[in-house]
């Protein structure tokens, strides 16, 4: 992910944003491009944020046609903390 995120720039859309085109039952939000590609390879519809702090608030609206969002960030302190925050953000919307 760090290779795809240049210092001082923000990612304008989630990785694999096309997965959010049209209605769908479930989307997995991953931490990074590699995890997003891995989830897709396993048969999941997936998008990714460039790191735990890369998910932007203006992206929530892109999920308006998604029935269920699964946040699958890394199982480290930063990933777990941010996943809890994102789940709460999705619930509020």
Protein backbone atom coordinates (compact mmCIF):
# COMPACT_ATOMS: atom_id res chain seq x y z
CA UNK A 1 0.00 0.00 0.00
CA UNK A 2 2.76 2.46 0.84
CA UNK A 3 4.09 1.98 -2.68
CA UNK A 4 0.76 3.18 -4.09
CA UNK A 5 0.25 6.12 -1.70
CA UNK A 6 2.52 9.07 -2.29
CA UNK A 7 3.32 11.37 0.62
CA UNK A 8 0.94 14.29 0.85
CA UNK A 9 -1.62 12.80 -1.54
CA UNK A 10 -4.88 11.08 -0.71
CA UNK A 11 -6.43 8.20 -2.60
CA UNK A 12 -9.52 9.64 -4.36
CA UNK A 13 -11.47 6.35 -4.40
CA UNK A 14 -11.12 2.92 -2.77
CA UNK A 15 -9.01 0.35 -4.60
CA UNK A 16 -11.25 -1.66 -6.95
CA UNK A 17 -14.02 0.95 -6.67
CA UNK A 18 -15.81 -0.74 -9.60
CA UNK A 19 -16.90 -3.44 -7.14
CA UNK A 20 -19.33 -0.83 -5.77
CA UNK A 21 -21.06 -0.28 -9.11
CA UNK A 22 -24.68 -1.31 -8.78
CA UNK A 23 -26.46 -3.08 -5.94
CA UNK A 24 -24.83 -6.00 -4.16
CA UNK A 25 -25.46 -8.03 -1.03
CA UNK A 26 -21.98 -7.86 0.51
CA UNK A 27 -18.65 -6.07 0.09
CA UNK A 28 -15.44 -6.63 2.03
CA UNK A 29 -13.38 -3.53 2.86
CA UNK A 30 -9.71 -4.50 3.04
CA UNK A 31 -6.57 -2.75 4.23
CA UNK A 32 -4.47 -2.26 1.13
CA UNK A 33 -4.42 -3.25 -2.51
CA UNK A 34 -2.86 -6.69 -2.00
CA UNK A 35 -5.48 -7.74 0.55
CA UNK A 36 -8.19 -6.44 -1.79
CA UNK A 37 -6.84 -8.53 -4.66
CA UNK A 38 -6.53 -11.56 -2.37
CA UNK A 39 -10.15 -11.22 -1.23
CA UNK A 40 -11.28 -10.94 -4.86
CA UNK A 41 -9.26 -14.04 -5.74
CA UNK A 42 -11.09 -15.89 -2.96
CA UNK A 43 -14.41 -14.94 -4.54
CA UNK A 44 -15.38 -11.94 -2.41
CA UNK A 45 -16.48 -8.63 -3.79
CA UNK A 46 -13.85 -6.35 -2.25
CA UNK A 47 -12.55 -2.80 -2.15
CA UNK A 48 -9.56 -1.47 -0.27
CA UNK A 49 -8.35 1.55 1.62
CA UNK A 50 -4.68 2.55 1.41
CA UNK A 51 -3.88 1.69 5.01
CA UNK A 52 -5.94 2.03 8.17
CA UNK A 53 -6.13 5.80 7.96
CA UNK A 54 -6.85 5.86 4.22
CA UNK A 55 -10.63 5.32 4.31
CA UNK A 56 -12.21 8.72 3.69
CA UNK A 57 -15.55 9.81 5.15
CA UNK A 58 -16.78 10.84 1.70
CA UNK A 59 -16.49 7.19 0.60
CA UNK A 60 -19.38 6.01 2.80
CA UNK A 61 -21.91 7.16 0.21
CA UNK A 62 -20.31 4.86 -2.37
CA UNK A 63 -21.64 1.92 -0.31
CA UNK A 64 -25.29 3.05 -0.45
CA UNK A 65 -26.30 0.05 -2.60
CA UNK A 66 -24.47 -2.52 -0.48
CA UNK A 67 -26.55 -4.65 1.87
CA UNK A 68 -23.73 -5.70 4.22
CA UNK A 69 -20.19 -4.36 4.66
CA UNK A 70 -17.46 -6.51 6.19
CA UNK A 71 -14.38 -4.65 7.41
CA UNK A 72 -11.33 -6.93 7.12
CA UNK A 73 -8.36 -4.90 8.26
CA UNK A 74 -5.14 -6.37 9.66
CA UNK A 75 -5.35 -8.00 13.07
CA UNK A 76 -2.98 -5.53 14.71
CA UNK A 77 -3.80 -2.71 17.12
CA UNK A 78 -4.24 -0.08 14.40
CA UNK A 79 -6.31 -2.38 12.19
CA UNK A 80 -8.63 -3.51 14.96
CA UNK A 81 -9.17 0.04 16.25
CA UNK A 82 -9.92 1.44 12.81
CA UNK A 83 -12.19 -1.48 11.90
CA UNK A 84 -14.32 -0.76 14.99
CA UNK A 85 -14.54 2.90 13.94
CA UNK A 86 -15.52 2.04 10.37
CA UNK A 87 -18.17 -0.45 11.48
CA UNK A 88 -19.69 2.25 13.69
CA UNK A 89 -19.56 4.71 10.78
CA UNK A 90 -21.39 2.28 8.50
CA UNK A 91 -24.02 1.60 11.15
CA UNK A 92 -24.69 5.34 11.57
CA UNK A 93 -25.31 5.64 7.86
